[in-house]
């Protein structure tokens, strides 16, 4: 495998930022390339108007703001409609990520992202670029059959609405479940897939989020390598899974895996510095991973 396979995989990556984090960042252009898709998660306790304000700031700084539309955290159709109207009108949003959400009891009438999509709320506001969730390692509350049906319906929505829909996956610590999932859904999926990876954060932080997300086999594999206290205090890079996915794409050009989405967990600058070096080819291959100079 050559360096270009890694460089092409990380090109035009997307990454998350939060309202709270934005207050510590003077200019996003100092951290990420112009035009980068910056996803804005719905964090409990953060008002929707603050999300609109951050999206507007990102657009002003020549980024592509991608707010999360969380079905189960949306109180009503009126709330959703107003939120989308403001995102488009005040922040120039052209892409959103529409997901169900991770709470057991919905706050309003929506239980799933598909309800929002299929009832035409996104399309009504002229948004044709949409991210939807992918679950390579399953979901603790949803059956495998239901997850496959959701992929079919998301494909059907994309075709009917003429929308640019992509699957954005939960983050993973190992590549094997991701690759197996891509193969498993290949007969029913035509949508591009963007693989979620953790950014460069302390292993203890990653484990906390992994427990919250229930990433299954990936968590088990990661835990085997994080048993010592010294390991928990270090910064972990997703280089092994990145190399494995790049290699898989090279050997399987028919794959729908099109790029990467990063969850930095507070390590935005550290993660984007690392990604810039990868994009510039400033790395060497090691036994299964990468050596990136600090």
C-alpha atoms as a PDB file:
ATOM      1  CA  UNK A   1       0.000   0.000   0.000  1.00  0.00           C
ATOM      2  CA  UNK A   2       1.277   3.473  -0.869  1.00  0.00           C
ATOM      3  CA  UNK A   3       0.819   6.803   0.861  1.00  0.00           C
ATOM      4  CA  UNK A   4      -1.741   8.003  -1.662  1.00  0.00           C
ATOM      5  CA  UNK A   5      -4.290   5.495  -0.396  1.00  0.00           C
ATOM      6  CA  UNK A   6      -4.154   7.109   3.051  1.00  0.00           C
ATOM      7  CA  UNK A   7      -4.039  10.654   1.708  1.00  0.00           C
ATOM      8  CA  UNK A   8      -7.092  10.122  -0.497  1.00  0.00           C
ATOM      9  CA  UNK A   9      -9.028   8.605   2.393  1.00  0.00           C
ATOM     10  CA  UNK A  10      -8.444  11.572   4.708  1.00  0.00           C
ATOM     11  CA  UNK A  11      -8.981  14.179   1.985  1.00  0.00           C
ATOM     12  CA  UNK A  12     -12.070  16.279   2.673  1.00  0.00           C
ATOM     13  CA  UNK A  13     -12.700  14.620   6.009  1.00  0.00           C
ATOM     14  CA  UNK A  14     -15.479  15.938   8.226  1.00  0.00           C
ATOM     15  CA  UNK A  15     -15.174  16.627  11.946  1.00  0.00           C
ATOM     16  CA  UNK A  16     -17.279  17.744  14.904  1.00  0.00           C
ATOM     17  CA  UNK A  17     -17.165  20.893  16.972  1.00  0.00           C
ATOM     18  CA  UNK A  18     -19.436  22.142  19.752  1.00  0.00           C
ATOM     19  CA  UNK A  19     -20.932  25.423  20.895  1.00  0.00           C
ATOM     20  CA  UNK A  20     -18.895  25.277  24.098  1.00  0.00           C
ATOM     21  CA  UNK A  21     -15.678  24.489  22.267  1.00  0.00           C
ATOM     22  CA  UNK A  22     -16.237  27.349  19.816  1.00  0.00           C
ATOM     23  CA  UNK A  23     -15.668  29.885  22.574  1.00  0.00           C
ATOM     24  CA  UNK A  24     -12.066  28.684  22.857  1.00  0.00           C
ATOM     25  CA  UNK A  25     -11.326  28.877  19.132  1.00  0.00           C
ATOM     26  CA  UNK A  26     -10.291  32.204  17.628  1.00  0.00           C
ATOM     27  CA  UNK A  27     -10.462  31.107  13.979  1.00  0.00           C
ATOM     28  CA  UNK A  28     -11.507  27.734  12.644  1.00  0.00           C
ATOM     29  CA  UNK A  29      -9.473  28.481   9.528  1.00  0.00           C
ATOM     30  CA  UNK A  30      -6.369  28.147  11.695  1.00  0.00           C
ATOM     31  CA  UNK A  31      -7.310  24.519  12.363  1.00  0.00           C
ATOM     32  CA  UNK A  32      -9.094  23.061   9.347  1.00  0.00           C
ATOM     33  CA  UNK A  33      -9.056  23.607   5.582  1.00  0.00           C
ATOM     34  CA  UNK A  34     -11.557  26.015   4.049  1.00  0.00           C
ATOM     35  CA  UNK A  35     -14.790  24.260   3.158  1.00  0.00           C
ATOM     36  CA  UNK A  36     -14.460  21.498   5.747  1.00  0.00           C
ATOM     37  CA  UNK A  37     -17.773  20.020   6.874  1.00  0.00           C
ATOM     38  CA  UNK A  38     -18.022  20.908  10.579  1.00  0.00           C
ATOM     39  CA  UNK A  39     -20.731  18.912  12.325  1.00  0.00           C
ATOM     40  CA  UNK A  40     -22.462  20.531  15.309  1.00  0.00           C
ATOM     41  CA  UNK A  41     -23.855  17.905  17.709  1.00  0.00           C
ATOM     42  CA  UNK A  42     -26.943  18.573  19.777  1.00  0.00           C
ATOM     43  CA  UNK A  43     -25.489  18.767  23.285  1.00  0.00           C
ATOM     44  CA  UNK A  44     -28.021  18.741  26.141  1.00  0.00           C
ATOM     45  CA  UNK A  45     -28.225  22.146  27.776  1.00  0.00           C
ATOM     46  CA  UNK A  46     -27.246  24.072  24.643  1.00  0.00           C
ATOM     47  CA  UNK A  47     -30.018  26.208  23.146  1.00  0.00           C
ATOM     48  CA  UNK A  48     -30.932  25.867  19.490  1.00  0.00           C
ATOM     49  CA  UNK A  49     -30.253  29.561  18.913  1.00  0.00           C
ATOM     50  CA  UNK A  50     -26.648  28.959  19.984  1.00  0.00           C
ATOM     51  CA  UNK A  51     -26.388  26.190  17.398  1.00  0.00           C
ATOM     52  CA  UNK A  52     -27.750  28.583  14.766  1.00  0.00           C
ATOM     53  CA  UNK A  53     -25.176  31.192  15.839  1.00  0.00           C
ATOM     54  CA  UNK A  54     -22.297  28.714  15.589  1.00  0.00           C
ATOM     55  CA  UNK A  55     -23.498  27.535  12.184  1.00  0.00           C
ATOM     56  CA  UNK A  56     -23.598  31.160  11.025  1.00  0.00           C
ATOM     57  CA  UNK A  57     -20.082  31.723  12.334  1.00  0.00           C
ATOM     58  CA  UNK A  58     -18.774  28.640  10.549  1.00  0.00           C
ATOM     59  CA  UNK A  59     -20.393  29.741   7.288  1.00  0.00           C
ATOM     60  CA  UNK A  60     -18.847  33.193   7.695  1.00  0.00           C
ATOM     61  CA  UNK A  61     -15.446  31.550   8.179  1.00  0.00           C
ATOM     62  CA  UNK A  62     -15.916  29.623   4.906  1.00  0.00           C
ATOM     63  CA  UNK A  63     -16.700  26.300   6.540  1.00  0.00           C
ATOM     64  CA  UNK A  64     -19.607  23.961   5.775  1.00  0.00           C
ATOM     65  CA  UNK A  65     -21.750  23.887   8.950  1.00  0.00           C
ATOM     66  CA  UNK A  66     -23.618  20.615   9.500  1.00  0.00           C
ATOM     67  CA  UNK A  67     -25.978  20.829  12.489  1.00  0.00           C
ATOM     68  CA  UNK A  68     -27.422  17.672  14.012  1.00  0.00           C
ATOM     69  CA  UNK A  69     -31.185  17.263  13.782  1.00  0.00           C
ATOM     70  CA  UNK A  70     -32.021  14.879  16.632  1.00  0.00           C
ATOM     71  CA  UNK A  71     -35.492  13.379  16.322  1.00  0.00           C
ATOM     72  CA  UNK A  72     -35.987  12.295  19.923  1.00  0.00           C
ATOM     73  CA  UNK A  73     -34.780  15.619  21.305  1.00  0.00           C
ATOM     74  CA  UNK A  74     -37.198  17.657  19.175  1.00  0.00           C
ATOM     75  CA  UNK A  75     -40.281  18.784  21.044  1.00  0.00           C
ATOM     76  CA  UNK A  76     -42.656  19.203  18.111  1.00  0.00           C
ATOM     77  CA  UNK A  77     -43.008  19.642  14.372  1.00  0.00           C
ATOM     78  CA  UNK A  78     -43.281  23.401  14.933  1.00  0.00           C
ATOM     79  CA  UNK A  79     -39.979  23.458  16.841  1.00  0.00           C
ATOM     80  CA  UNK A  80     -38.300  21.457  14.082  1.00  0.00           C
ATOM     81  CA  UNK A  81     -39.711  23.652  11.337  1.00  0.00           C
ATOM     82  CA  UNK A  82     -38.529  26.826  13.061  1.00  0.00           C
ATOM     83  CA  UNK A  83     -35.068  25.383  13.696  1.00  0.00           C
ATOM     84  CA  UNK A  84     -34.595  24.370  10.070  1.00  0.00           C
ATOM     85  CA  UNK A  85     -35.922  27.730   8.850  1.00  0.00           C
ATOM     86  CA  UNK A  86     -33.398  29.609  10.991  1.00  0.00           C
ATOM     87  CA  UNK A  87     -30.503  27.333  10.042  1.00  0.00           C
ATOM     88  CA  UNK A  88     -31.122  27.943   6.362  1.00  0.00           C
ATOM     89  CA  UNK A  89     -32.121  31.606   6.576  1.00  0.00           C
ATOM     90  CA  UNK A  90     -29.643  32.868   9.165  1.00  0.00           C
ATOM     91  CA  UNK A  91     -26.704  30.498   8.727  1.00  0.00           C
ATOM     92  CA  UNK A  92     -26.870  29.397   5.099  1.00  0.00           C
ATOM     93  CA  UNK A  93     -26.946  25.728   6.087  1.00  0.00           C
ATOM     94  CA  UNK A  94     -27.091  23.349   3.115  1.00  0.00           C
ATOM     95  CA  UNK A  95     -26.300  20.066   4.890  1.00  0.00           C
ATOM     96  CA  UNK A  96     -27.616  18.474   8.101  1.00  0.00           C
ATOM     97  CA  UNK A  97     -27.123  15.224   9.980  1.00  0.00           C
ATOM     98  CA  UNK A  98     -30.485  13.686  10.878  1.00  0.00           C
ATOM     99  CA  UNK A  99     -30.390  11.016  13.597  1.00  0.00           C
ATOM    100  CA  UNK A 100     -32.797   9.438  16.056  1.00  0.00           C
ATOM    101  CA  UNK A 101     -30.936  10.350  19.249  1.00  0.00           C
ATOM    102  CA  UNK A 102     -29.758   8.392  22.251  1.00  0.00           C
ATOM    103  CA  UNK A 103     -32.532   8.952  24.785  1.00  0.00           C
ATOM    104  CA  UNK A 104     -35.095   6.285  25.690  1.00  0.00           C
ATOM    105  CA  UNK A 105     -38.176   8.505  25.768  1.00  0.00           C
ATOM    106  CA  UNK A 106     -38.728  11.061  22.969  1.00  0.00           C
ATOM    107  CA  UNK A 107     -39.348  14.643  24.038  1.00  0.00           C
ATOM    108  CA  UNK A 108     -42.028  15.059  21.369  1.00  0.00           C
ATOM    109  CA  UNK A 109     -43.649  13.320  18.434  1.00  0.00           C
ATOM    110  CA  UNK A 110     -40.522  12.025  16.679  1.00  0.00           C
ATOM    111  CA  UNK A 111     -38.913   8.667  17.445  1.00  0.00           C
ATOM    112  CA  UNK A 112     -36.691   8.226  14.405  1.00  0.00           C
ATOM    113  CA  UNK A 113     -34.793  10.175  11.776  1.00  0.00           C
ATOM    114  CA  UNK A 114     -36.856   8.450   9.095  1.00  0.00           C
ATOM    115  CA  UNK A 115     -40.020  10.094  10.426  1.00  0.00           C
ATOM    116  CA  UNK A 116     -38.453  13.493   9.828  1.00  0.00           C
ATOM    117  CA  UNK A 117     -37.115  12.555   6.410  1.00  0.00           C
ATOM    118  CA  UNK A 118     -40.164  10.766   5.066  1.00  0.00           C
ATOM    119  CA  UNK A 119     -42.577  13.484   6.233  1.00  0.00           C
ATOM    120  CA  UNK A 120     -40.662  16.001   4.141  1.00  0.00           C
ATOM    121  CA  UNK A 121     -39.404  18.391   6.820  1.00  0.00           C
ATOM    122  CA  UNK A 122     -35.838  18.543   5.468  1.00  0.00           C
ATOM    123  CA  UNK A 123     -36.891  18.746   1.836  1.00  0.00           C
ATOM    124  CA  UNK A 124     -39.364  21.556   2.630  1.00  0.00           C
ATOM    125  CA  UNK A 125     -36.471  23.868   3.473  1.00  0.00           C
ATOM    126  CA  UNK A 126     -34.501  23.024   0.350  1.00  0.00           C
ATOM    127  CA  UNK A 127     -31.821  20.996   2.121  1.00  0.00           C
ATOM    128  CA  UNK A 128     -30.621  18.287  -0.244  1.00  0.00           C
ATOM    129  CA  UNK A 129     -27.417  17.206   1.512  1.00  0.00           C
ATOM    130  CA  UNK A 130     -28.178  14.938   4.431  1.00  0.00           C
ATOM    131  CA  UNK A 131     -26.210  12.655   6.699  1.00  0.00           C
ATOM    132  CA  UNK A 132     -27.944   9.708   8.340  1.00  0.00           C
ATOM    133  CA  UNK A 133     -26.672   7.221  10.902  1.00  0.00           C
ATOM    134  CA  UNK A 134     -24.898   3.963  10.126  1.00  0.00           C
ATOM    135  CA  UNK A 135     -24.286   1.284  12.752  1.00  0.00           C
ATOM    136  CA  UNK A 136     -21.476  -1.150  11.833  1.00  0.00           C
ATOM    137  CA  UNK A 137     -21.491  -2.607  15.347  1.00  0.00           C
ATOM    138  CA  UNK A 138     -25.224  -2.608  15.819  1.00  0.00           C
ATOM    139  CA  UNK A 139     -27.340  -0.636  18.254  1.00  0.00           C
ATOM    140  CA  UNK A 140     -28.158  -1.616  21.819  1.00  0.00           C
ATOM    141  CA  UNK A 141     -31.855  -0.805  21.357  1.00  0.00           C
ATOM    142  CA  UNK A 142     -32.472  -1.748  17.724  1.00  0.00           C
ATOM    143  CA  UNK A 143     -32.463  -5.195  16.113  1.00  0.00           C
ATOM    144  CA  UNK A 144     -30.210  -6.053  13.171  1.00  0.00           C
ATOM    145  CA  UNK A 145     -33.289  -6.588  11.021  1.00  0.00           C
ATOM    146  CA  UNK A 146     -34.604  -3.122  11.854  1.00  0.00           C
ATOM    147  CA  UNK A 147     -31.218  -1.558  11.132  1.00  0.00           C
ATOM    148  CA  UNK A 148     -31.099  -3.195   7.698  1.00  0.00           C
ATOM    149  CA  UNK A 149     -34.635  -2.026   6.976  1.00  0.00           C
ATOM    150  CA  UNK A 150     -33.558   1.505   7.895  1.00  0.00           C
ATOM    151  CA  UNK A 151     -30.744   1.337   5.319  1.00  0.00           C
ATOM    152  CA  UNK A 152     -33.266   0.302   2.667  1.00  0.00           C
ATOM    153  CA  UNK A 153     -35.614   3.157   3.586  1.00  0.00           C
ATOM    154  CA  UNK A 154     -32.794   5.715   3.662  1.00  0.00           C
ATOM    155  CA  UNK A 155     -31.781   4.635   0.170  1.00  0.00           C
ATOM    156  CA  UNK A 156     -35.391   4.918  -0.967  1.00  0.00           C
ATOM    157  CA  UNK A 157     -35.670   8.408   0.505  1.00  0.00           C
ATOM    158  CA  UNK A 158     -32.498   9.548  -1.263  1.00  0.00           C
ATOM    159  CA  UNK A 159     -33.831   8.351  -4.616  1.00  0.00           C
ATOM    160  CA  UNK A 160     -37.329   9.766  -4.156  1.00  0.00           C
ATOM    161  CA  UNK A 161     -36.170  13.170  -2.858  1.00  0.00           C
ATOM    162  CA  UNK A 162     -33.233  13.437  -5.251  1.00  0.00           C
ATOM    163  CA  UNK A 163     -31.072  14.109  -2.224  1.00  0.00           C
ATOM    164  CA  UNK A 164     -27.341  13.680  -1.610  1.00  0.00           C
ATOM    165  CA  UNK A 165     -27.596  11.303   1.355  1.00  0.00           C
ATOM    166  CA  UNK A 166     -24.599   9.746   3.069  1.00  0.00           C
ATOM    167  CA  UNK A 167     -24.279   7.203   5.856  1.00  0.00           C
ATOM    168  CA  UNK A 168     -22.155   8.506   8.722  1.00  0.00           C
ATOM    169  CA  UNK A 169     -21.211   5.788  11.184  1.00  0.00           C
ATOM    170  CA  UNK A 170     -20.703   5.680  14.920  1.00  0.00           C
ATOM    171  CA  UNK A 171     -17.027   5.734  15.850  1.00  0.00           C
ATOM    172  CA  UNK A 172     -15.043   2.517  15.955  1.00  0.00           C
ATOM    173  CA  UNK A 173     -11.743   1.405  17.438  1.00  0.00           C
ATOM    174  CA  UNK A 174     -11.113  -1.445  15.001  1.00  0.00           C
ATOM    175  CA  UNK A 175     -11.733  -1.789  11.280  1.00  0.00           C
ATOM    176  CA  UNK A 176     -13.015  -5.371  11.059  1.00  0.00           C
ATOM    177  CA  UNK A 177     -16.660  -4.691  12.042  1.00  0.00           C
ATOM    178  CA  UNK A 178     -16.767  -1.705   9.683  1.00  0.00           C
ATOM    179  CA  UNK A 179     -15.492  -3.720   6.750  1.00  0.00           C
ATOM    180  CA  UNK A 180     -17.834  -6.626   7.514  1.00  0.00           C
ATOM    181  CA  UNK A 181     -20.780  -4.224   7.709  1.00  0.00           C
ATOM    182  CA  UNK A 182     -19.912  -2.602   4.370  1.00  0.00           C
ATOM    183  CA  UNK A 183     -19.918  -6.036   2.759  1.00  0.00           C
ATOM    184  CA  UNK A 184     -23.141  -7.073   4.498  1.00  0.00           C
ATOM    185  CA  UNK A 185     -25.182  -4.073   3.351  1.00  0.00           C
ATOM    186  CA  UNK A 186     -23.669  -3.886  -0.147  1.00  0.00           C
ATOM    187  CA  UNK A 187     -26.702  -5.590  -1.780  1.00  0.00           C
ATOM    188  CA  UNK A 188     -29.118  -3.022  -0.304  1.00  0.00           C
ATOM    189  CA  UNK A 189     -27.020   0.153  -0.153  1.00  0.00           C
ATOM    190  CA  UNK A 190     -26.045   2.670  -2.817  1.00  0.00           C
ATOM    191  CA  UNK A 191     -25.255   5.528  -0.437  1.00  0.00           C
ATOM    192  CA  UNK A 192     -21.685   6.709   0.201  1.00  0.00           C
ATOM    193  CA  UNK A 193     -20.372   5.772   3.638  1.00  0.00           C
ATOM    194  CA  UNK A 194     -18.285   7.993   5.891  1.00  0.00           C
ATOM    195  CA  UNK A 195     -16.620   6.024   8.649  1.00  0.00           C
ATOM    196  CA  UNK A 196     -16.598   7.524  12.129  1.00  0.00           C
ATOM    197  CA  UNK A 197     -13.265   7.460  13.941  1.00  0.00           C
ATOM    198  CA  UNK A 198     -12.245   8.862  17.315  1.00  0.00           C
ATOM    199  CA  UNK A 199      -9.886  11.806  17.225  1.00  0.00           C
ATOM    200  CA  UNK A 200      -6.683  12.117  19.205  1.00  0.00           C
ATOM    201  CA  UNK A 201      -7.889  12.111  22.790  1.00  0.00           C
ATOM    202  CA  UNK A 202      -6.899  10.415  26.020  1.00  0.00           C
ATOM    203  CA  UNK A 203      -7.757   6.735  26.055  1.00  0.00           C
ATOM    204  CA  UNK A 204      -9.744   7.234  29.248  1.00  0.00           C
ATOM    205  CA  UNK A 205     -11.930   9.786  27.453  1.00  0.00           C
ATOM    206  CA  UNK A 206     -12.463   7.438  24.524  1.00  0.00           C
ATOM    207  CA  UNK A 207     -13.461   4.588  26.819  1.00  0.00           C
ATOM    208  CA  UNK A 208     -16.041   6.791  28.514  1.00  0.00           C
ATOM    209  CA  UNK A 209     -17.680   7.686  25.217  1.00  0.00           C
ATOM    210  CA  UNK A 210     -17.412   4.093  23.997  1.00  0.00           C
ATOM    211  CA  UNK A 211     -19.334   2.889  27.040  1.00  0.00           C
ATOM    212  CA  UNK A 212     -22.007   5.493  26.369  1.00  0.00           C
ATOM    213  CA  UNK A 213     -22.282   4.484  22.711  1.00  0.00           C
ATOM    214  CA  UNK A 214     -22.004   0.731  23.196  1.00  0.00           C
ATOM    215  CA  UNK A 215     -19.628   0.090  20.334  1.00  0.00           C
ATOM    216  CA  UNK A 216     -19.419  -3.623  21.059  1.00  0.00           C
ATOM    217  CA  UNK A 217     -16.533  -5.593  19.531  1.00  0.00           C
ATOM    218  CA  UNK A 218     -14.636  -2.393  18.974  1.00  0.00           C
ATOM    219  CA  UNK A 219     -14.787  -1.545  22.675  1.00  0.00           C
ATOM    220  CA  UNK A 220     -13.652  -5.041  23.652  1.00  0.00           C
ATOM    221  CA  UNK A 221     -10.652  -4.844  21.353  1.00  0.00           C
ATOM    222  CA  UNK A 222      -9.706  -1.388  22.572  1.00  0.00           C
ATOM    223  CA  UNK A 223     -10.024  -2.367  26.233  1.00  0.00           C
ATOM    224  CA  UNK A 224      -7.447  -5.130  25.792  1.00  0.00           C
ATOM    225  CA  UNK A 225      -4.904  -2.482  24.888  1.00  0.00           C
ATOM    226  CA  UNK A 226      -5.875  -0.012  27.616  1.00  0.00           C
ATOM    227  CA  UNK A 227      -5.588  -2.004  30.819  1.00  0.00           C
ATOM    228  CA  UNK A 228      -2.601  -0.205  32.291  1.00  0.00           C
ATOM    229  CA  UNK A 229      -3.002   3.165  33.991  1.00  0.00           C
ATOM    230  CA  UNK A 230      -0.147   4.619  31.972  1.00  0.00           C
ATOM    231  CA  UNK A 231      -2.013   3.725  28.800  1.00  0.00           C
ATOM    232  CA  UNK A 232      -5.145   5.473  30.015  1.00  0.00           C
ATOM    233  CA  UNK A 233      -3.198   8.710  30.400  1.00  0.00           C
ATOM    234  CA  UNK A 234      -1.783   8.727  26.879  1.00  0.00           C
ATOM    235  CA  UNK A 235      -3.241  10.077  23.670  1.00  0.00           C
ATOM    236  CA  UNK A 236      -4.588   7.457  21.276  1.00  0.00           C
ATOM    237  CA  UNK A 237      -4.574   7.867  17.490  1.00  0.00           C
ATOM    238  CA  UNK A 238      -6.847   5.815  15.186  1.00  0.00           C
ATOM    239  CA  UNK A 239      -3.972   4.985  12.857  1.00  0.00           C
ATOM    240  CA  UNK A 240      -4.408   1.199  12.740  1.00  0.00           C
ATOM    241  CA  UNK A 241      -8.052   1.295  11.703  1.00  0.00           C
ATOM    242  CA  UNK A 242      -7.353   4.117   9.259  1.00  0.00           C
ATOM    243  CA  UNK A 243      -4.648   2.081   7.531  1.00  0.00           C
ATOM    244  CA  UNK A 244      -6.870  -1.012   7.453  1.00  0.00           C
ATOM    245  CA  UNK A 245      -9.743   0.925   5.881  1.00  0.00           C
ATOM    246  CA  UNK A 246      -7.434   2.566   3.326  1.00  0.00           C
ATOM    247  CA  UNK A 247      -6.053  -0.846   2.394  1.00  0.00           C
ATOM    248  CA  UNK A 248      -9.571  -2.281   2.080  1.00  0.00           C
ATOM    249  CA  UNK A 249     -10.616   0.580  -0.219  1.00  0.00           C
ATOM    250  CA  UNK A 250      -7.584  -0.006  -2.424  1.00  0.00           C
ATOM    251  CA  UNK A 251      -8.346  -3.711  -2.762  1.00  0.00           C
ATOM    252  CA  UNK A 252     -12.115  -3.234  -3.111  1.00  0.00           C
ATOM    253  CA  UNK A 253     -12.767  -0.247  -5.389  1.00  0.00           C
ATOM    254  CA  UNK A 254     -16.488  -1.085  -5.462  1.00  0.00           C
ATOM    255  CA  UNK A 255     -16.863  -0.238  -1.772  1.00  0.00           C
ATOM    256  CA  UNK A 256     -19.179   2.597  -0.785  1.00  0.00           C
ATOM    257  CA  UNK A 257     -16.703   3.785   1.881  1.00  0.00           C
ATOM    258  CA  UNK A 258     -15.948   7.285   0.642  1.00  0.00           C
ATOM    259  CA  UNK A 259     -14.314   9.125   3.513  1.00  0.00           C
ATOM    260  CA  UNK A 260     -13.911   9.668   7.245  1.00  0.00           C
ATOM    261  CA  UNK A 261     -15.760  11.553   9.961  1.00  0.00           C
ATOM    262  CA  UNK A 262     -13.928  12.390  13.185  1.00  0.00           C
ATOM    263  CA  UNK A 263     -15.215  12.680  16.742  1.00  0.00           C
ATOM    264  CA  UNK A 264     -12.434  14.710  18.426  1.00  0.00           C
ATOM    265  CA  UNK A 265     -13.861  14.593  22.001  1.00  0.00           C
ATOM    266  CA  UNK A 266     -12.224  17.878  22.928  1.00  0.00           C
ATOM    267  CA  UNK A 267      -9.029  17.200  20.984  1.00  0.00           C
ATOM    268  CA  UNK A 268      -9.905  19.237  17.897  1.00  0.00           C
ATOM    269  CA  UNK A 269      -6.541  20.964  17.399  1.00  0.00           C
ATOM    270  CA  UNK A 270      -4.546  17.823  18.137  1.00  0.00           C
ATOM    271  CA  UNK A 271      -6.691  15.832  15.715  1.00  0.00           C
ATOM    272  CA  UNK A 272      -6.634  18.385  12.893  1.00  0.00           C
ATOM    273  CA  UNK A 273      -2.853  18.850  13.206  1.00  0.00           C
ATOM    274  CA  UNK A 274      -2.479  15.078  12.821  1.00  0.00           C
ATOM    275  CA  UNK A 275      -4.828  14.983   9.844  1.00  0.00           C
ATOM    276  CA  UNK A 276      -2.951  17.790   8.088  1.00  0.00           C
ATOM    277  CA  UNK A 277       0.257  15.781   8.303  1.00  0.00           C
ATOM    278  CA  UNK A 278      -1.504  12.757   6.862  1.00  0.00           C
ATOM    279  CA  UNK A 279      -2.982  14.804   4.017  1.00  0.00           C
ATOM    280  CA  UNK A 280       0.474  16.232   3.272  1.00  0.00           C
ATOM    281  CA  UNK A 281       2.072  12.773   3.292  1.00  0.00           C
ATOM    282  CA  UNK A 282       4.164  13.500   6.397  1.00  0.00           C
ATOM    283  CA  UNK A 283       4.079   9.960   7.795  1.00  0.00           C
ATOM    284  CA  UNK A 284       5.616   6.530   7.458  1.00  0.00           C
ATOM    285  CA  UNK A 285       3.988   3.135   7.646  1.00  0.00           C
ATOM    286  CA  UNK A 286       4.681   0.945  10.661  1.00  0.00           C
ATOM    287  CA  UNK A 287       3.540  -2.576  11.489  1.00  0.00           C
ATOM    288  CA  UNK A 288      -0.174  -2.049  10.912  1.00  0.00           C
ATOM    289  CA  UNK A 289      -0.197   1.660  11.734  1.00  0.00           C
ATOM    290  CA  UNK A 290       1.449   4.989  11.048  1.00  0.00           C
ATOM    291  CA  UNK A 291       4.359   6.949  12.424  1.00  0.00           C
ATOM    292  CA  UNK A 292       3.471  10.643  12.306  1.00  0.00           C
ATOM    293  CA  UNK A 293       6.141  13.091  13.537  1.00  0.00           C
ATOM    294  CA  UNK A 294       5.047  15.328  16.401  1.00  0.00           C
END
